[in-house]
């Protein structure tokens, strides 16, 4: 996934954050900050799986696959 993830709706699929839903409000190389019901939670990418809603579709991504700085991930060539 090479697009911007900030602003997308997300569901965390792995424990201990399993079931956490909200909107991605910030991203670093190793974490997402998710706004869930007015509370911001920092979720590590490593060890977690995420379900994003992108253009009306559900996309499941392992955090280790997107463990890059956002600006580097967008530039990556596959």
Protein backbone atom coordinates (compact mmCIF):
# COMPACT_ATOMS: atom_id res chain seq x y z
CA UNK A 1 0.00 0.00 0.00
CA UNK A 2 1.70 3.14 -1.19
CA UNK A 3 -0.94 5.77 -0.52
CA UNK A 4 -1.38 8.07 2.45
CA UNK A 5 -2.84 6.26 5.46
CA UNK A 6 -3.54 9.30 7.64
CA UNK A 7 -7.26 9.99 7.55
CA UNK A 8 -8.29 6.42 6.75
CA UNK A 9 -10.59 4.38 8.96
CA UNK A 10 -8.79 1.45 10.56
CA UNK A 11 -9.53 -1.64 12.65
CA UNK A 12 -6.71 -3.33 14.56
CA UNK A 13 -7.01 -7.10 14.15
CA UNK A 14 -4.34 -8.34 16.59
CA UNK A 15 -4.23 -8.59 20.36
CA UNK A 16 -3.80 -6.71 22.65
CA UNK A 17 -5.27 -3.94 20.48
CA UNK A 18 -7.80 -6.26 18.82
CA UNK A 19 -11.04 -4.50 17.98
CA UNK A 20 -9.68 -0.97 18.30
CA UNK A 21 -11.38 1.08 15.60
CA UNK A 22 -11.02 4.67 14.56
CA UNK A 23 -9.28 7.02 12.20
CA UNK A 24 -5.52 7.25 11.67
CA UNK A 25 -4.51 10.77 12.77
CA UNK A 26 -0.72 10.38 12.72
CA UNK A 27 1.92 7.92 11.52
CA UNK A 28 5.59 7.39 12.24
CA UNK A 29 7.98 4.71 11.06
CA UNK A 30 6.91 2.36 13.85
CA UNK A 31 3.47 3.50 15.02
CA UNK A 32 0.01 4.71 14.10
CA UNK A 33 -1.94 7.12 16.27
CA UNK A 34 -5.61 6.18 16.10
CA UNK A 35 -8.42 8.46 17.24
CA UNK A 36 -11.00 6.13 18.76
CA UNK A 37 -14.09 7.78 20.25
CA UNK A 38 -12.20 10.97 21.07
CA UNK A 39 -9.21 9.19 22.63
CA UNK A 40 -5.91 8.93 20.78
CA UNK A 41 -4.13 5.59 21.10
CA UNK A 42 -0.64 4.87 19.82
CA UNK A 43 -0.45 1.42 18.20
CA UNK A 44 2.86 -0.17 17.16
CA UNK A 45 3.02 -1.44 13.59
CA UNK A 46 5.26 -4.40 14.42
CA UNK A 47 3.31 -7.40 15.65
CA UNK A 48 -0.08 -6.02 14.60
CA UNK A 49 -2.36 -6.47 11.63
CA UNK A 50 -4.58 -3.66 10.40
CA UNK A 51 -7.74 -3.49 8.28
CA UNK A 52 -8.03 -0.22 6.39
CA UNK A 53 -11.07 1.00 4.51
CA UNK A 54 -9.66 2.38 1.26
CA UNK A 55 -11.87 3.47 -1.65
CA UNK A 56 -14.78 1.44 -0.28
CA UNK A 57 -12.75 -1.77 0.09
CA UNK A 58 -11.31 -3.55 3.10
CA UNK A 59 -7.55 -4.04 2.90
CA UNK A 60 -5.72 -6.14 5.51
CA UNK A 61 -2.05 -5.29 5.99
CA UNK A 62 0.56 -6.59 8.41
CA UNK A 63 2.31 -3.77 10.21
CA UNK A 64 5.75 -5.11 9.31
CA UNK A 65 4.90 -4.68 5.60
CA UNK A 66 4.41 -0.93 6.07
CA UNK A 67 7.04 -0.31 8.71
CA UNK A 68 8.67 2.61 6.90
CA UNK A 69 8.52 6.34 7.27
CA UNK A 70 5.34 7.46 5.49
CA UNK A 71 7.25 9.56 2.96
CA UNK A 72 9.54 6.62 2.12
CA UNK A 73 6.66 4.15 1.76
CA UNK A 74 4.89 6.39 -0.75
CA UNK A 75 8.07 6.58 -2.89
CA UNK A 76 8.82 2.82 -2.80
CA UNK A 77 8.90 1.01 -6.11
CA UNK A 78 7.59 -2.54 -6.11
